[in-house]
């Protein structure tokens, strides 16, 4: 039996410790995309939660009550937003690296590699001692068991996961830890007097400042979502770190983009100054990476009592994999989702979900958690930490239930009705509109997507 979208949304609202949810209409039910998992419900509930939280903040600032509506096909289009991006009419999505994806190993198991970032690709090739060629990688993996290759690649600084069945994951210590995680965790991490929300403005989050230290999809989607409701989002990256251009374009809407190198004390001092002016500190780097530069949540809260820290991880903050790096495709391969879809399809090869559902759902859960914490700090005071993980989101999606006959769903169909054109720093951009429709304060992005490092690292520029 599957959870209804309305029930899933109510559960998220309660989990965040909120009361008096605005009126939300979630239209549509699974199956919509071909999957036996309730991907549409996950999209409706997570995006609906962000819209409801934005409406609640607007009301708390003295604004009129308003309703929120989310339509399933639009929400699922937004869950696939990177694939719909066009620059001057041409697709900007690069696709997978030539050796990424599934490979058979010597023990007959499957191993998934993620090599879109150069340092991860180099780690795989270093471990396997082979050429940058798909056939060469598969041949080299014949000398390995999938589990040994997974461990060796991780130890070398790369990322890979062995395909596990749902039962194997449930018995694995990392799976046990993930199963204990709710969709999001809100916890008070410091004392501070209540921080009033800014005075009423035309947009719900106008006057809220968000430091966005994230990459790839989930974290940047969270920043993009808050920008859609009027937040001032300053995206901070480093000039020496690799990026995926299409994702920078798609998730950069509504943000200003600056660069800091946290290996340098002067740039760490600049970030400390930015923290002093921020309401939300959003970060999605490998666990311990930002903390290693002096920006652990407790340190950030000491710099700015009353701040909301929002942290994304791949595997969650509990269990033996808590410190591991990872990506959506690797998590859904390790946690049994892909094997369960394979079994339902009667196929031999692991079957991925039809979109990066863990990434996108996590992005909206992060944004929802941030807004929920802003509401709670206005009433209760305190500094707050919001935790979301890809693995925890995967378990949440599992708990929503399986969809009978879901693999036969026809898909969304023509998504053109959900797209909009705008100027950008890359050319004329065609991209997905935000799918949470607020009756009084429509969402949208004022600032165009621009290249990383375009702006100075300063507020109010």
Protein backbone atom coordinates (compact mmCIF):
# COMPACT_ATOMS: atom_id res chain seq x y z
CA UNK A 1 0.00 0.00 0.00
CA UNK A 2 1.37 3.42 -0.93
CA UNK A 3 1.23 6.59 1.12
CA UNK A 4 -0.93 9.29 -0.43
CA UNK A 5 0.79 12.57 -1.40
CA UNK A 6 -1.34 14.46 1.14
CA UNK A 7 -0.36 12.07 3.94
CA UNK A 8 3.32 12.27 2.97
CA UNK A 9 3.15 16.08 3.09
CA UNK A 10 1.41 16.11 6.46
CA UNK A 11 4.05 13.74 7.83
CA UNK A 12 6.85 16.07 6.68
CA UNK A 13 5.12 19.07 8.23
CA UNK A 14 4.77 17.26 11.56
CA UNK A 15 8.35 15.95 11.39
CA UNK A 16 9.60 19.55 11.11
CA UNK A 17 7.71 20.49 14.27
CA UNK A 18 5.37 22.91 12.48
CA UNK A 19 1.70 23.69 13.09
CA UNK A 20 -1.11 25.22 11.02
CA UNK A 21 -0.11 24.20 7.51
CA UNK A 22 -1.41 26.47 4.75
CA UNK A 23 -3.89 25.09 2.25
CA UNK A 24 -2.03 22.84 -0.21
CA UNK A 25 -3.54 21.05 -3.19
CA UNK A 26 -1.43 18.20 -4.58
CA UNK A 27 -2.77 17.09 -7.95
CA UNK A 28 -2.10 13.63 -9.38
CA UNK A 29 -1.04 10.20 -8.20
CA UNK A 30 1.52 7.55 -9.08
CA UNK A 31 2.34 6.01 -11.42
CA UNK A 32 3.35 8.88 -13.65
CA UNK A 33 6.94 7.95 -14.43
CA UNK A 34 7.90 4.30 -15.02
CA UNK A 35 8.87 3.10 -11.56
CA UNK A 36 7.50 0.80 -8.89
CA UNK A 37 8.46 3.42 -6.30
CA UNK A 38 6.24 6.41 -5.52
CA UNK A 39 8.46 8.98 -7.20
CA UNK A 40 5.52 11.25 -7.99
CA UNK A 41 4.41 11.22 -4.36
CA UNK A 42 7.96 12.09 -3.29
CA UNK A 43 8.02 15.00 -5.74
CA UNK A 44 4.59 16.31 -4.75
CA UNK A 45 5.24 16.05 -1.01
CA UNK A 46 8.76 17.51 -0.97
CA UNK A 47 8.00 20.38 -3.35
CA UNK A 48 4.63 20.95 -1.70
CA UNK A 49 6.36 21.23 1.67
CA UNK A 50 8.62 24.01 0.39
CA UNK A 51 5.66 25.92 -1.02
CA UNK A 52 3.71 25.52 2.20
CA UNK A 53 6.67 26.69 4.28
CA UNK A 54 7.13 29.75 2.07
CA UNK A 55 3.44 30.59 2.41
CA UNK A 56 3.66 30.11 6.19
CA UNK A 57 6.63 32.47 6.41
CA UNK A 58 4.77 35.07 4.35
CA UNK A 59 1.78 34.79 6.69
CA UNK A 60 4.02 34.98 9.76
CA UNK A 61 5.41 38.26 8.40
CA UNK A 62 1.89 39.68 8.22
CA UNK A 63 0.99 38.66 4.69
CA UNK A 64 -2.36 37.39 3.57
CA UNK A 65 -3.03 33.67 3.74
CA UNK A 66 -2.57 31.97 0.40
CA UNK A 67 -2.97 28.55 -1.12
CA UNK A 68 -0.33 26.33 -2.71
CA UNK A 69 -0.82 23.95 -5.64
CA UNK A 70 1.55 21.39 -7.16
CA UNK A 71 0.76 19.25 -10.19
CA UNK A 72 2.46 15.85 -10.48
CA UNK A 73 3.67 16.10 -14.08
CA UNK A 74 5.17 19.54 -13.41
CA UNK A 75 6.81 18.35 -10.18
CA UNK A 76 8.35 15.34 -11.94
CA UNK A 77 9.55 17.56 -14.76
CA UNK A 78 11.32 19.66 -12.14
CA UNK A 79 12.77 16.45 -10.67
CA UNK A 80 14.39 16.04 -14.11
CA UNK A 81 15.19 19.72 -14.62
CA UNK A 82 18.79 19.28 -15.78
CA UNK A 83 17.62 17.23 -18.76
CA UNK A 84 15.24 19.94 -19.96
CA UNK A 85 17.82 22.74 -19.92
CA UNK A 86 18.50 24.42 -23.27
CA UNK A 87 20.95 27.22 -24.06
CA UNK A 88 20.15 29.04 -27.30
CA UNK A 89 17.95 26.09 -28.21
CA UNK A 90 20.62 23.40 -27.75
CA UNK A 91 20.74 20.82 -24.96
CA UNK A 92 23.32 21.63 -22.30
CA UNK A 93 23.22 18.26 -20.53
CA UNK A 94 26.56 16.49 -20.94
CA UNK A 95 25.45 12.99 -19.98
CA UNK A 96 27.65 10.43 -18.27
CA UNK A 97 31.39 10.06 -18.52
CA UNK A 98 32.51 7.28 -20.88
CA UNK A 99 33.48 4.82 -18.12
CA UNK A 100 30.71 5.74 -15.65
CA UNK A 101 27.86 3.38 -14.91
CA UNK A 102 27.53 -0.36 -14.41
CA UNK A 103 30.25 -2.94 -14.96
CA UNK A 104 30.36 -6.67 -14.24
CA UNK A 105 33.10 -7.73 -11.86
CA UNK A 106 34.98 -11.00 -11.57
CA UNK A 107 32.52 -12.48 -9.08
CA UNK A 108 29.59 -11.86 -11.43
CA UNK A 109 28.26 -8.92 -9.38
CA UNK A 110 27.58 -5.40 -10.62
CA UNK A 111 29.60 -2.32 -9.70
CA UNK A 112 28.55 1.25 -10.49
CA UNK A 113 31.22 3.88 -11.09
CA UNK A 114 30.71 7.64 -10.90
CA UNK A 115 33.49 9.34 -12.88
CA UNK A 116 32.01 12.64 -14.09
CA UNK A 117 34.45 14.59 -11.90
CA UNK A 118 38.10 14.26 -13.01
CA UNK A 119 39.58 13.34 -9.62
CA UNK A 120 37.07 10.53 -9.17
CA UNK A 121 37.81 9.21 -12.65
CA UNK A 122 41.56 9.32 -11.99
CA UNK A 123 41.11 7.38 -8.74
CA UNK A 124 39.28 4.58 -10.56
CA UNK A 125 41.91 4.34 -13.29
CA UNK A 126 44.70 4.39 -10.71
CA UNK A 127 43.16 1.50 -8.76
CA UNK A 128 42.42 -0.56 -11.87
CA UNK A 129 45.66 0.29 -13.66
CA UNK A 130 44.00 0.53 -17.05
CA UNK A 131 43.34 2.95 -19.88
CA UNK A 132 40.52 5.49 -19.93
CA UNK A 133 38.33 3.19 -22.00
CA UNK A 134 35.09 1.44 -21.07
CA UNK A 135 36.13 -1.99 -22.35
CA UNK A 136 39.48 -1.69 -20.56
CA UNK A 137 37.75 -0.83 -17.28
CA UNK A 138 35.36 -3.79 -17.55
CA UNK A 139 38.26 -6.10 -18.39
CA UNK A 140 40.28 -4.85 -15.42
CA UNK A 141 37.33 -5.40 -13.10
CA UNK A 142 37.34 -9.10 -13.95
CA UNK A 143 40.24 -9.37 -11.50
CA UNK A 144 38.13 -7.93 -8.67
CA UNK A 145 35.12 -8.80 -6.60
CA UNK A 146 32.58 -6.01 -6.56
CA UNK A 147 32.94 -5.43 -2.83
CA UNK A 148 36.74 -5.29 -2.94
CA UNK A 149 36.64 -2.86 -5.86
CA UNK A 150 34.10 -0.68 -4.04
CA UNK A 151 36.40 -0.47 -1.01
CA UNK A 152 39.63 0.04 -2.95
CA UNK A 153 38.17 2.81 -5.12
CA UNK A 154 36.78 4.61 -2.10
CA UNK A 155 40.11 4.30 -0.25
CA UNK A 156 41.84 5.83 -3.30
CA UNK A 157 39.56 8.88 -3.24
CA UNK A 158 37.05 7.68 -5.81
CA UNK A 159 33.40 6.70 -5.61
CA UNK A 160 31.74 3.41 -6.53
CA UNK A 161 29.12 1.09 -5.08
CA UNK A 162 28.33 -2.58 -5.44
CA UNK A 163 24.73 -3.29 -6.42
CA UNK A 164 22.99 -4.69 -3.36
CA UNK A 165 19.61 -6.30 -2.97
CA UNK A 166 17.15 -4.69 -0.55
CA UNK A 167 17.85 -7.49 1.94
CA UNK A 168 21.62 -7.10 1.63
CA UNK A 169 21.32 -3.37 2.29
CA UNK A 170 18.97 -3.91 5.22
CA UNK A 171 21.57 -6.22 6.80
CA UNK A 172 24.56 -3.96 6.08
CA UNK A 173 25.62 -1.69 9.00
CA UNK A 174 25.33 1.35 6.75
CA UNK A 175 21.86 0.21 5.74
CA UNK A 176 20.83 -0.28 9.34
CA UNK A 177 21.97 3.28 10.09
CA UNK A 178 20.16 4.69 7.04
CA UNK A 179 16.93 2.92 7.96
CA UNK A 180 16.91 4.78 11.27
CA UNK A 181 16.99 8.19 9.56
CA UNK A 182 13.86 10.27 9.07
CA UNK A 183 13.48 12.32 5.89
CA UNK A 184 15.04 15.28 7.68
CA UNK A 185 16.36 16.10 11.13
CA UNK A 186 15.91 19.48 12.81
CA UNK A 187 17.83 20.03 16.00
CA UNK A 188 18.62 23.02 18.14
CA UNK A 189 22.39 23.36 18.47
CA UNK A 190 22.77 26.59 20.40
CA UNK A 191 21.03 29.24 22.43
CA UNK A 192 19.94 32.56 20.99
CA UNK A 193 16.95 34.83 21.53
CA UNK A 194 14.12 34.56 19.00
CA UNK A 195 15.06 36.11 15.65
CA UNK A 196 12.05 37.91 14.20
CA UNK A 197 11.33 37.37 10.54
CA UNK A 198 11.95 40.46 8.40
CA UNK A 199 9.08 42.91 7.88
CA UNK A 200 6.45 42.04 5.30
CA UNK A 201 7.70 42.17 1.72
CA UNK A 202 6.26 41.21 -1.67
CA UNK A 203 8.01 37.82 -1.58
CA UNK A 204 8.05 35.33 1.33
CA UNK A 205 11.83 35.09 1.77
CA UNK A 206 12.80 38.63 0.81
CA UNK A 207 15.37 39.81 3.38
CA UNK A 208 16.56 36.28 4.18
CA UNK A 209 20.22 35.69 3.31
CA UNK A 210 21.43 32.22 2.34
CA UNK A 211 25.07 31.20 2.00
CA UNK A 212 25.06 28.33 -0.50
CA UNK A 213 28.20 26.16 -0.35
CA UNK A 214 27.01 23.28 -2.48
CA UNK A 215 27.70 21.46 -5.75
CA UNK A 216 26.05 19.10 -8.24
CA UNK A 217 22.25 18.76 -7.69
CA UNK A 218 20.70 18.35 -4.22
CA UNK A 219 22.30 21.26 -2.37
CA UNK A 220 22.10 23.69 -5.31
CA UNK A 221 18.41 22.79 -5.79
CA UNK A 222 17.81 23.85 -2.18
CA UNK A 223 19.42 27.23 -2.78
CA UNK A 224 17.55 27.64 -6.08
CA UNK A 225 14.26 26.91 -4.32
CA UNK A 226 14.81 29.52 -1.63
CA UNK A 227 15.82 32.02 -4.32
CA UNK A 228 12.54 31.28 -6.12
CA UNK A 229 10.72 32.64 -3.05
CA UNK A 230 12.85 35.78 -2.80
CA UNK A 231 15.84 34.86 -0.63
CA UNK A 232 19.17 36.54 -1.32
CA UNK A 233 21.30 33.50 -2.18
CA UNK A 234 25.07 33.86 -2.47
CA UNK A 235 26.62 30.75 -3.97
CA UNK A 236 30.22 30.21 -2.88
CA UNK A 237 32.52 27.83 -4.70
CA UNK A 238 36.29 27.57 -5.10
CA UNK A 239 38.21 28.23 -8.32
CA UNK A 240 40.23 25.01 -7.99
CA UNK A 241 37.20 22.70 -7.69
CA UNK A 242 35.71 21.00 -10.76
CA UNK A 243 32.10 21.58 -11.73
CA UNK A 244 29.50 20.17 -14.10
CA UNK A 245 28.52 23.11 -16.35
CA UNK A 246 24.92 22.13 -17.11
CA UNK A 247 24.17 21.71 -13.41
CA UNK A 248 25.73 25.08 -12.61
CA UNK A 249 23.45 26.64 -15.22
CA UNK A 250 20.26 24.88 -14.15
CA UNK A 251 20.66 25.35 -10.40
CA UNK A 252 22.22 28.82 -10.59
CA UNK A 253 19.01 30.67 -11.34
CA UNK A 254 18.26 33.38 -8.80
CA UNK A 255 21.73 33.34 -7.23
CA UNK A 256 24.83 35.47 -7.23
CA UNK A 257 28.01 33.41 -7.57
CA UNK A 258 31.33 34.14 -5.88
CA UNK A 259 34.56 32.23 -5.29
CA UNK A 260 36.57 31.68 -2.14
CA UNK A 261 39.50 29.35 -1.52
CA UNK A 262 39.09 28.14 2.05
CA UNK A 263 42.66 26.87 2.06
CA UNK A 264 43.61 30.56 2.44
CA UNK A 265 43.13 32.36 5.76
CA UNK A 266 42.10 35.60 4.05
CA UNK A 267 39.26 33.82 2.28
CA UNK A 268 38.24 32.01 5.47
CA UNK A 269 38.05 35.43 7.13
CA UNK A 270 35.84 36.65 4.28
CA UNK A 271 33.52 33.69 4.76
CA UNK A 272 33.35 34.35 8.51
CA UNK A 273 32.25 37.89 7.67
CA UNK A 274 29.57 36.56 5.33
CA UNK A 275 28.35 34.18 8.03
CA UNK A 276 27.85 37.16 10.33
CA UNK A 277 25.31 38.53 7.87
CA UNK A 278 23.61 35.25 6.96
CA UNK A 279 20.39 33.63 8.10
CA UNK A 280 21.08 30.22 6.52
CA UNK A 281 24.40 28.40 6.04
CA UNK A 282 23.78 25.64 3.48
CA UNK A 283 26.58 23.20 2.73
CA UNK A 284 26.78 19.91 0.86
CA UNK A 285 30.43 18.91 0.75
CA UNK A 286 31.79 15.59 1.93
CA UNK A 287 31.28 15.27 5.71
CA UNK A 288 34.12 16.97 7.53
CA UNK A 289 35.37 18.99 4.55
CA UNK A 290 33.84 22.35 5.47
CA UNK A 291 34.27 21.63 9.18
CA UNK A 292 37.98 21.13 8.52
CA UNK A 293 38.19 24.80 7.55
CA UNK A 294 36.55 25.97 10.77
CA UNK A 295 32.90 25.96 9.68
CA UNK A 296 31.35 23.04 11.53
CA UNK A 297 27.73 23.79 12.50
CA UNK A 298 28.65 24.55 16.12
CA UNK A 299 31.42 26.91 14.97
CA UNK A 300 29.09 28.66 12.55
CA UNK A 301 26.51 29.03 15.33
CA UNK A 302 29.19 30.55 17.56
CA UNK A 303 30.01 33.07 14.83
CA UNK A 304 26.33 33.93 14.34
CA UNK A 305 24.03 32.85 17.17
CA UNK A 306 20.59 32.16 15.75
CA UNK A 307 21.81 30.98 12.36
CA UNK A 308 20.23 28.01 10.59
CA UNK A 309 22.85 25.48 9.44
CA UNK A 310 21.69 23.09 6.73
CA UNK A 311 23.87 20.09 5.92
CA UNK A 312 23.60 17.51 3.16
CA UNK A 313 25.49 14.21 3.16
CA UNK A 314 25.42 11.14 0.98
CA UNK A 315 25.01 8.43 3.61
CA UNK A 316 23.74 10.24 6.70
CA UNK A 317 25.43 11.24 9.94
CA UNK A 318 25.15 7.78 11.52
CA UNK A 319 26.82 4.46 10.79
CA UNK A 320 30.11 3.31 9.27
CA UNK A 321 29.61 5.18 5.98
CA UNK A 322 28.80 8.54 7.58
CA UNK A 323 32.04 10.09 6.33
CA UNK A 324 31.85 8.71 2.79
CA UNK A 325 31.34 10.79 -0.29
CA UNK A 326 28.66 9.70 -2.71
CA UNK A 327 26.11 10.62 -5.36
CA UNK A 328 22.46 9.79 -6.08
CA UNK A 329 23.23 7.08 -8.65
CA UNK A 330 25.60 5.35 -6.23
CA UNK A 331 23.21 5.49 -3.28
CA UNK A 332 20.22 4.07 -5.17
CA UNK A 333 22.53 1.34 -6.49
CA UNK A 334 23.76 0.40 -3.00
CA UNK A 335 20.48 0.68 -1.10
CA UNK A 336 18.45 -1.88 -3.05
CA UNK A 337 16.32 0.51 -5.13
CA UNK A 338 17.94 -0.46 -8.43
CA UNK A 339 17.86 -4.17 -7.65
CA UNK A 340 14.19 -3.97 -6.64
CA UNK A 341 13.35 -2.24 -9.93
CA UNK A 342 15.35 -4.91 -11.80
CA UNK A 343 13.38 -7.69 -10.17
CA UNK A 344 10.06 -5.97 -10.90
CA UNK A 345 11.09 -5.55 -14.55
CA UNK A 346 12.27 -9.14 -14.85
CA UNK A 347 15.66 -7.99 -16.08
CA UNK A 348 19.23 -9.04 -15.39
CA UNK A 349 20.82 -5.61 -15.09
CA UNK A 350 20.16 -3.21 -12.19
CA UNK A 351 17.49 -0.69 -13.18
CA UNK A 352 17.95 2.94 -12.05
CA UNK A 353 15.05 5.13 -11.06
CA UNK A 354 13.76 7.24 -13.99
CA UNK A 355 15.27 10.41 -12.54
CA UNK A 356 17.76 11.52 -9.89
CA UNK A 357 14.95 11.33 -7.35
CA UNK A 358 17.20 11.15 -4.28
CA UNK A 359 19.02 14.31 -5.34
CA UNK A 360 15.96 16.36 -6.19
CA UNK A 361 13.86 15.23 -3.24
CA UNK A 362 16.79 15.92 -0.92
CA UNK A 363 17.12 19.41 -2.38
CA UNK A 364 13.52 20.25 -1.58
CA UNK A 365 13.76 18.63 1.85
CA UNK A 366 16.80 20.80 2.58
CA UNK A 367 14.93 23.95 1.54
CA UNK A 368 11.88 22.91 3.53
CA UNK A 369 14.00 22.20 6.59
CA UNK A 370 15.71 25.57 6.31
CA UNK A 371 12.37 27.40 6.11
CA UNK A 372 10.92 25.34 8.96
CA UNK A 373 13.93 26.26 11.10
CA UNK A 374 13.47 29.95 10.24
CA UNK A 375 9.87 29.73 11.47
CA UNK A 376 10.90 27.93 14.63
CA UNK A 377 13.78 30.28 15.49
CA UNK A 378 11.35 33.21 15.19
CA UNK A 379 9.16 31.62 17.86
CA UNK A 380 11.56 29.56 19.95
CA UNK A 381 14.93 31.22 19.43
CA UNK A 382 18.10 29.16 19.17
CA UNK A 383 20.58 28.19 16.49
CA UNK A 384 19.46 25.26 14.34
CA UNK A 385 20.89 22.37 12.36
CA UNK A 386 18.96 20.70 9.55
CA UNK A 387 20.29 17.37 8.31
CA UNK A 388 19.27 15.62 5.09
CA UNK A 389 21.05 12.73 3.36
CA UNK A 390 20.64 10.95 0.06
CA UNK A 391 20.50 7.65 1.92
CA UNK A 392 17.85 8.94 4.31
CA UNK A 393 15.82 10.25 1.39
CA UNK A 394 16.11 6.83 -0.24
CA UNK A 395 14.67 5.19 2.87
CA UNK A 396 11.87 7.79 2.96
CA UNK A 397 10.98 6.96 -0.64
CA UNK A 398 10.94 3.25 0.21
CA UNK A 399 8.59 3.93 3.11
CA UNK A 400 6.15 5.66 0.75
CA UNK A 401 5.42 2.19 -0.66
CA UNK A 402 5.52 0.35 -3.99
CA UNK A 403 3.33 1.13 -6.98
CA UNK A 404 1.59 -1.82 -8.60
CA UNK A 405 2.29 -1.84 -12.33
CA UNK A 406 4.36 1.31 -12.05
CA UNK A 407 6.91 0.31 -14.67
CA UNK A 408 4.23 0.48 -17.36
CA UNK A 409 3.54 4.17 -16.72
CA UNK A 410 3.84 6.18 -19.95
CA UNK A 411 5.94 9.01 -18.52
CA UNK A 412 5.25 12.72 -18.31
CA UNK A 413 4.86 13.39 -22.02
CA UNK A 414 5.49 16.80 -23.52
CA UNK A 415 7.07 19.01 -20.86
CA UNK A 416 7.06 22.19 -22.97
CA UNK A 417 4.17 23.63 -20.94
CA UNK A 418 6.39 23.67 -17.86
CA UNK A 419 9.32 25.54 -19.43
CA UNK A 420 10.19 29.23 -19.56
CA UNK A 421 12.75 31.32 -21.43
CA UNK A 422 15.05 33.85 -19.81
CA UNK A 423 18.35 35.61 -20.30
CA UNK A 424 21.41 34.11 -18.62
CA UNK A 425 25.15 34.49 -18.49
CA UNK A 426 25.40 31.59 -20.92
CA UNK A 427 22.89 32.65 -23.58
CA UNK A 428 19.14 32.40 -23.90
CA UNK A 429 18.06 29.81 -21.33
CA UNK A 430 15.06 27.50 -21.56
CA UNK A 431 14.44 25.80 -18.23
CA UNK A 432 11.74 24.38 -15.97
CA UNK A 433 9.55 26.81 -14.03
CA UNK A 434 9.20 26.15 -10.33
CA UNK A 435 6.28 23.78 -9.78
CA UNK A 436 4.98 25.04 -6.41
CA UNK A 437 2.36 27.62 -7.39
CA UNK A 438 1.54 30.10 -4.61
CA UNK A 439 -1.69 32.03 -5.14
CA UNK A 440 -0.47 35.33 -3.71
CA UNK A 441 3.31 35.36 -4.15
CA UNK A 442 4.20 33.47 -7.33
CA UNK A 443 7.63 31.84 -7.30
CA UNK A 444 10.25 32.82 -9.83
CA UNK A 445 13.86 33.86 -10.26
CA UNK A 446 14.83 37.51 -10.55
CA UNK A 447 18.54 37.01 -11.16
CA UNK A 448 19.86 35.10 -14.18
CA UNK A 449 22.15 32.09 -13.91
CA UNK A 450 25.76 33.18 -14.32
CA UNK A 451 29.20 31.59 -14.36
CA UNK A 452 30.82 30.57 -11.10
CA UNK A 453 32.89 33.37 -9.60
CA UNK A 454 31.07 36.16 -11.45
CA UNK A 455 30.38 38.27 -8.35
CA UNK A 456 32.31 39.56 -5.38
CA UNK A 457 31.85 37.62 -2.12
CA UNK A 458 29.67 40.26 -0.47
CA UNK A 459 26.05 40.71 0.54
CA UNK A 460 23.72 43.14 -1.15
CA UNK A 461 25.84 43.68 -4.24
